[in-house]
Amino acid sequence: MLSAGVAVDLAAAVELAGLPAPADGLLSVRDYLAAGHPNDLVAEAAARLAATGNGIPEHELRLLPPVPDPDKILCIGLNYRDHAAEAGLDLPTEPMVFAKFRNCLIGPSDEIVLPDEVERVDYEAELAVVIGRRGKGIPVADAHRYIAGITVFNDVSARDLQLATSQWTLGKSVDTFGPCGPWLVTLDEIADVADLRMRTRVNGTVVQDSSTAEMVFGVAELVAYLSQAMTLEPGDLIATGTPAGVGFKRNPPVLLRAGDVVEVEIDEVGLLSNPVAAPTPAGRRPVAATAPGER
């Protein structure tokens, strides 16, 4: 947990706040969300720990995704009016849902690794919702009570695999194709989640510049819609769609190459920056280190 630019142990903050913590002192973000602890009490305890030198400065950290082990990564296609217009498609009458899997997740500053087998790799700036409590059949009016917060997501896509068939999952779930982070921002810190400016830059050049005001289905609508079919669990990610400016629709196309740097920025939420790399000689992605106790 980050407080005043210093990372402190989440389990220690929970314990200092007088709340239940695992006997072994280890606590994953998903465990924390499932426990339903009051964020304000834990934040106060974290600040006390940071003030007494019990932490690590932010610049010494390598951040993982805010939730590295979600039960589900649910994604929404064609959910921005400007993106539908650039694609020449009608607006959907219901959310278009597809999936990514946790093998694709990487943190801020981690490498997006381009497999030899794909040639048309694209970026997609997205706002991602993190579910905070278990829910099924959630009314739209109550959806905010089930949201832990929001974060920045890049739905990196292998267009050649994605568009080879009518099913998108393979082209969306390539290893490292889900950069996420750096922060999980609670809704009380956001002025209006339905009016956040978002931008993507490739090597410093702006290629997407839009707003969540362009969304067809808003955050609350998506949480309610998905919960009609499935139980949403703490830590689940919902990537809510991308605006206009995706690479394969530009003229000429802008596709990712080794050596590029992709930045996705959403006002009030954060900046996600990832370099793009060729495969390692062994053809394997580097395995991200996880903290003890993370699943």
Protein backbone atom coordinates (compact mmCIF):
# COMPACT_ATOMS: atom_id res chain seq x y z
CA MET A 1 0.00 0.00 0.00
CA LEU A 2 1.37 3.44 -0.97
CA SER A 3 1.19 6.38 1.43
CA ALA A 4 2.92 9.73 0.82
CA GLY A 5 5.24 8.17 -1.76
CA VAL A 6 6.25 5.31 0.53
CA ALA A 7 5.12 1.69 0.20
CA VAL A 8 4.12 -0.02 3.43
CA ASP A 9 3.13 -3.60 4.12
CA LEU A 10 -0.62 -3.98 3.60
CA ALA A 11 -0.98 -6.69 6.25
CA ALA A 12 0.87 -4.51 8.77
CA ALA A 13 -1.46 -1.59 8.03
CA VAL A 14 -4.50 -3.84 8.48
CA GLU A 15 -3.15 -5.10 11.79
CA LEU A 16 -2.29 -1.60 13.03
CA ALA A 17 -5.84 -0.52 12.18
CA GLY A 18 -7.10 -3.24 14.55
CA LEU A 19 -8.65 -5.29 11.77
CA PRO A 20 -8.33 -9.07 11.20
CA ALA A 21 -5.20 -10.15 9.30
CA PRO A 22 -3.92 -13.61 8.29
CA ALA A 23 -1.94 -15.37 11.02
CA ASP A 24 1.13 -15.60 8.79
CA GLY A 25 1.11 -11.84 8.19
CA LEU A 26 0.70 -12.22 4.41
CA LEU A 27 -2.13 -10.57 2.52
CA SER A 28 -2.82 -10.27 -1.22
CA VAL A 29 -4.81 -7.41 -2.71
CA ARG A 30 -7.55 -9.86 -3.61
CA ASP A 31 -7.68 -11.10 0.00
CA TYR A 32 -7.83 -7.51 1.21
CA LEU A 33 -10.76 -6.68 -1.06
CA ALA A 34 -12.61 -9.84 -0.08
CA ALA A 35 -12.20 -8.99 3.62
CA GLY A 36 -14.11 -5.74 3.12
CA HIS A 37 -11.90 -3.67 5.41
CA PRO A 38 -12.71 0.07 5.67
CA ASN A 39 -10.25 1.84 3.37
CA ASP A 40 -10.10 4.98 5.50
CA LEU A 41 -8.95 3.10 8.61
CA VAL A 42 -6.30 1.18 6.69
CA ALA A 43 -5.12 4.37 4.93
CA GLU A 44 -4.71 6.12 8.29
CA ALA A 45 -2.68 3.17 9.62
CA ALA A 46 -0.54 3.13 6.46
CA ALA A 47 0.20 6.83 6.89
CA ARG A 48 1.36 6.20 10.46
CA LEU A 49 3.64 3.39 9.28
CA ALA A 50 5.09 5.58 6.52
CA ALA A 51 5.70 8.45 8.94
CA THR A 52 7.70 6.20 11.27
CA GLY A 53 10.04 4.94 8.54
CA ASN A 54 8.37 1.54 8.10
CA GLY A 55 8.30 1.50 4.35
CA ILE A 56 10.14 1.57 1.03
CA PRO A 57 10.37 4.74 -1.13
CA GLU A 58 8.27 4.55 -4.28
CA HIS A 59 11.29 5.04 -6.58
CA GLU A 60 12.85 1.81 -5.26
CA LEU A 61 9.84 -0.31 -6.17
CA ARG A 62 8.97 -2.40 -9.18
CA LEU A 63 5.18 -2.34 -9.32
CA LEU A 64 3.07 -5.31 -10.34
CA PRO A 65 -0.48 -4.90 -11.66
CA PRO A 66 -2.78 -3.61 -8.89
CA VAL A 67 -4.45 -7.03 -8.86
CA PRO A 68 -2.02 -9.58 -10.36
CA ASP A 69 -4.31 -12.59 -9.87
CA PRO A 70 -7.92 -11.68 -10.82
CA ASP A 71 -10.48 -14.45 -11.09
CA LYS A 72 -11.79 -12.84 -14.29
CA ILE A 73 -10.71 -10.21 -16.83
CA LEU A 74 -13.84 -9.10 -18.67
CA CYS A 75 -13.51 -6.75 -21.63
CA ILE A 76 -16.01 -4.64 -23.54
CA GLY A 77 -15.76 -4.10 -27.29
CA LEU A 78 -16.94 -1.11 -29.33
CA ASN A 79 -17.95 0.86 -26.24
CA TYR A 80 -16.89 4.34 -27.41
CA ARG A 81 -18.94 6.36 -29.88
CA ASP A 82 -15.86 7.82 -31.56
CA HIS A 83 -14.30 4.36 -31.94
CA ALA A 84 -17.48 2.94 -33.51
CA ALA A 85 -17.49 5.88 -35.92
CA GLU A 86 -13.88 5.30 -37.01
CA ALA A 87 -14.68 1.61 -37.51
CA GLY A 88 -17.77 2.45 -39.57
CA LEU A 89 -19.99 0.35 -37.28
CA ASP A 90 -23.34 0.94 -35.62
CA LEU A 91 -23.36 1.43 -31.87
CA PRO A 92 -24.09 -1.81 -30.01
CA THR A 93 -27.48 -2.18 -28.35
CA GLU A 94 -25.95 -4.35 -25.61
CA PRO A 95 -22.37 -4.56 -24.33
CA MET A 96 -20.06 -6.71 -26.47
CA VAL A 97 -18.20 -8.92 -24.00
CA PHE A 98 -14.98 -10.90 -24.48
CA ALA A 99 -12.25 -12.16 -22.16
CA LYS A 100 -8.55 -11.88 -21.50
CA PHE A 101 -6.70 -14.10 -19.02
CA ARG A 102 -4.27 -13.37 -16.19
CA ASN A 103 -1.26 -14.65 -18.19
CA CYS A 104 -1.43 -11.39 -20.16
CA LEU A 105 -1.14 -9.10 -17.11
CA ILE A 106 2.02 -7.07 -16.58
CA GLY A 107 2.74 -4.04 -14.44
CA PRO A 108 3.84 -0.52 -15.29
CA SER A 109 7.34 -0.45 -16.81
CA ASP A 110 7.21 -4.19 -17.69
CA GLU A 111 7.88 -5.14 -21.31
CA ILE A 112 5.19 -5.89 -23.88
CA VAL A 113 6.85 -8.82 -25.65
CA LEU A 114 6.04 -9.32 -29.34
CA PRO A 115 5.85 -13.02 -30.27
CA ASP A 116 7.41 -14.12 -33.53
CA GLU A 117 4.05 -15.52 -34.61
CA VAL A 118 2.20 -12.17 -34.75
CA GLU A 119 2.79 -9.14 -36.95
CA ARG A 120 -0.03 -6.63 -36.30
CA VAL A 121 0.14 -5.62 -32.64
CA ASP A 122 -2.00 -2.69 -31.55
CA TYR A 123 -2.58 -0.58 -28.42
CA GLU A 124 -5.95 0.23 -26.78
CA ALA A 125 -6.25 2.74 -23.93
CA GLU A 126 -8.89 1.63 -21.44
CA LEU A 127 -10.25 2.49 -18.03
CA ALA A 128 -10.51 -0.70 -15.97
CA VAL A 129 -12.88 -1.27 -13.06
CA VAL A 130 -11.74 -3.43 -10.13
CA ILE A 131 -14.54 -5.22 -8.30
CA GLY A 132 -14.39 -4.87 -4.53
CA ARG A 133 -17.07 -7.22 -3.25
CA ARG A 134 -18.92 -10.34 -4.38
CA GLY A 135 -22.14 -9.65 -6.22
CA LYS A 136 -24.77 -11.14 -8.52
CA GLY A 137 -27.78 -9.41 -10.04
CA ILE A 138 -26.48 -5.97 -9.05
CA PRO A 139 -28.84 -3.02 -9.77
CA VAL A 140 -27.33 -0.12 -11.68
CA ALA A 141 -28.07 2.21 -8.77
CA ASP A 142 -26.02 0.02 -6.40
CA ALA A 143 -23.10 -0.73 -8.73
CA HIS A 144 -20.76 1.79 -7.09
CA ARG A 145 -20.96 -0.17 -3.83
CA TYR A 146 -19.32 -3.16 -5.58
CA ILE A 147 -16.40 -1.22 -7.10
CA ALA A 148 -13.07 -1.13 -5.26
CA GLY A 149 -11.67 1.44 -7.66
CA ILE A 150 -10.40 2.06 -11.16
CA THR A 151 -7.05 1.76 -12.88
CA VAL A 152 -5.41 2.24 -16.28
CA PHE A 153 -5.36 -0.69 -18.70
CA ASN A 154 -3.85 -1.25 -22.15
CA ASP A 155 -5.77 -3.91 -24.10
CA VAL A 156 -2.83 -4.79 -26.35
CA SER A 157 -4.20 -6.76 -29.30
CA ALA A 158 -2.71 -9.05 -31.95
CA ARG A 159 -4.98 -7.96 -34.80
CA ASP A 160 -3.92 -10.77 -37.12
CA LEU A 161 -5.01 -13.38 -34.53
CA GLN A 162 -8.02 -11.39 -33.33
CA LEU A 163 -9.55 -10.87 -36.76
CA ALA A 164 -8.74 -14.29 -38.22
CA THR A 165 -12.01 -15.65 -36.78
CA SER A 166 -15.20 -14.25 -35.25
CA GLN A 167 -13.85 -14.93 -31.75
CA TRP A 168 -11.39 -12.38 -30.35
CA THR A 169 -9.99 -14.16 -27.29
CA LEU A 170 -6.77 -15.59 -28.78
CA GLY A 171 -5.62 -12.25 -30.17
CA LYS A 172 -6.37 -10.54 -26.87
CA SER A 173 -4.74 -13.00 -24.45
CA VAL A 174 -1.15 -13.23 -25.67
CA ASP A 175 1.41 -13.22 -22.84
CA THR A 176 2.21 -9.62 -21.68
CA PHE A 177 -0.70 -8.13 -23.67
CA GLY A 178 -2.44 -6.71 -20.58
CA PRO A 179 -0.42 -3.86 -19.03
CA CYS A 180 -2.24 -2.50 -15.98
CA GLY A 181 -1.69 0.10 -13.26
CA PRO A 182 0.12 1.79 -11.71
CA TRP A 183 -2.56 2.67 -9.13
CA LEU A 184 -5.93 1.45 -7.90
CA VAL A 185 -7.84 4.71 -7.36
CA THR A 186 -11.02 4.68 -5.27
CA LEU A 187 -14.13 6.38 -6.66
CA ASP A 188 -14.19 9.01 -3.92
CA GLU A 189 -10.94 10.38 -5.37
CA ILE A 190 -12.49 10.85 -8.83
CA ALA A 191 -14.60 13.92 -9.65
CA ASP A 192 -16.63 12.18 -12.38
CA VAL A 193 -15.73 8.76 -13.75
CA ALA A 194 -17.96 9.49 -16.76
CA ASP A 195 -15.84 12.49 -17.81
CA LEU A 196 -12.15 11.57 -17.64
CA ARG A 197 -9.74 12.56 -20.40
CA MET A 198 -7.60 9.68 -21.68
CA ARG A 199 -4.63 9.65 -24.03
CA THR A 200 -2.27 7.15 -25.64
CA ARG A 201 1.21 8.09 -26.81
CA VAL A 202 3.57 5.94 -28.88
CA ASN A 203 7.14 7.22 -28.67
CA GLY A 204 5.79 10.55 -27.42
CA THR A 205 3.29 11.05 -30.25
CA VAL A 206 -0.37 11.26 -29.22
CA VAL A 207 -2.39 8.60 -31.06
CA GLN A 208 -5.54 8.50 -28.90
CA ASP A 209 -7.10 11.54 -27.21
CA SER A 210 -10.66 11.18 -25.99
CA SER A 211 -12.82 11.01 -22.86
CA THR A 212 -14.86 8.47 -20.97
CA ALA A 213 -17.80 10.74 -21.85
CA GLU A 214 -17.71 8.90 -25.22
CA MET A 215 -18.64 5.58 -23.57
CA VAL A 216 -21.84 3.93 -24.84
CA PHE A 217 -22.36 1.94 -21.62
CA GLY A 218 -21.11 3.54 -18.43
CA VAL A 219 -19.26 1.91 -15.57
CA ALA A 220 -22.37 1.25 -13.44
CA GLU A 221 -24.27 -0.16 -16.43
CA LEU A 222 -21.44 -2.59 -17.23
CA VAL A 223 -21.14 -3.86 -13.66
CA ALA A 224 -24.90 -4.43 -13.50
CA TYR A 225 -25.05 -6.06 -16.96
CA LEU A 226 -22.22 -8.51 -16.34
CA SER A 227 -23.56 -9.46 -12.90
CA GLN A 228 -26.83 -10.65 -14.43
CA ALA A 229 -24.98 -13.59 -16.00
CA MET A 230 -22.12 -14.26 -13.59
CA THR A 231 -21.08 -13.66 -10.02
CA LEU A 232 -18.51 -10.89 -9.84
CA GLU A 233 -15.71 -11.57 -7.36
CA PRO A 234 -13.34 -9.26 -5.48
CA GLY A 235 -10.40 -8.44 -7.72
CA ASP A 236 -12.20 -9.07 -11.01
CA LEU A 237 -11.19 -6.60 -13.74
CA ILE A 238 -13.58 -5.03 -16.22
CA ALA A 239 -11.80 -3.27 -19.11
CA THR A 240 -14.44 -0.85 -20.35
CA GLY A 241 -13.44 -0.31 -23.99
CA THR A 242 -11.19 1.96 -26.03
CA PRO A 243 -11.78 5.27 -27.81
CA ALA A 244 -10.89 6.28 -31.36
CA GLY A 245 -7.34 6.27 -32.65
CA VAL A 246 -6.41 2.59 -32.51
CA GLY A 247 -3.38 1.81 -34.60
CA PHE A 248 -4.79 -0.47 -37.28
CA LYS A 249 -7.49 2.08 -38.18
CA ARG A 250 -5.04 4.95 -38.67
CA ASN A 251 -3.78 5.98 -42.11
CA PRO A 252 -1.07 4.85 -42.33
CA PRO A 253 -1.47 2.20 -39.62
CA VAL A 254 0.53 2.58 -36.40
CA LEU A 255 1.51 -0.88 -35.18
CA LEU A 256 3.83 -1.64 -32.30
CA ARG A 257 7.45 -2.58 -32.94
CA ALA A 258 10.33 -3.57 -30.67
CA GLY A 259 11.88 -0.45 -29.19
CA ASP A 260 8.62 1.51 -28.98
CA VAL A 261 7.32 2.95 -25.71
CA VAL A 262 3.56 3.01 -25.17
CA GLU A 263 2.02 5.38 -22.62
CA VAL A 264 -1.63 5.32 -21.60
CA GLU A 265 -2.74 8.17 -19.36
CA ILE A 266 -6.11 8.84 -17.74
CA ASP A 267 -6.57 12.07 -15.81
CA GLU A 268 -7.00 11.57 -12.04
CA VAL A 269 -6.11 7.86 -12.42
CA GLY A 270 -2.51 7.60 -13.57
CA LEU A 271 0.08 7.05 -16.29
CA LEU A 272 0.89 3.54 -17.51
CA SER A 273 4.12 3.27 -19.51
CA ASN A 274 5.51 0.10 -21.09
CA PRO A 275 8.40 -0.56 -23.48
CA VAL A 276 7.88 -2.95 -26.38
CA ALA A 277 10.42 -5.74 -26.85
CA ALA A 278 11.23 -8.64 -29.15
CA PRO A 279 11.05 -12.18 -27.76
CA THR A 280 13.90 -13.41 -25.59
CA PRO A 281 16.26 -15.92 -27.28
CA ALA A 282 14.47 -18.77 -25.55
CA GLY A 283 11.13 -17.46 -26.81
CA ARG A 284 9.81 -17.01 -23.29
CA ARG A 285 8.56 -13.94 -21.49
CA PRO A 286 10.37 -12.97 -18.28
CA VAL A 287 8.43 -14.20 -15.25
CA ALA A 288 7.36 -11.31 -13.01
CA ALA A 289 8.43 -11.66 -9.40
CA THR A 290 5.57 -11.76 -6.92
CA ALA A 291 5.54 -10.96 -3.29
CA PRO A 292 5.29 -13.85 -0.81
CA GLY A 293 1.73 -14.98 -0.35
CA GLU A 294 0.46 -13.65 -3.69
CA ARG A 295 -1.45 -16.21 -5.70
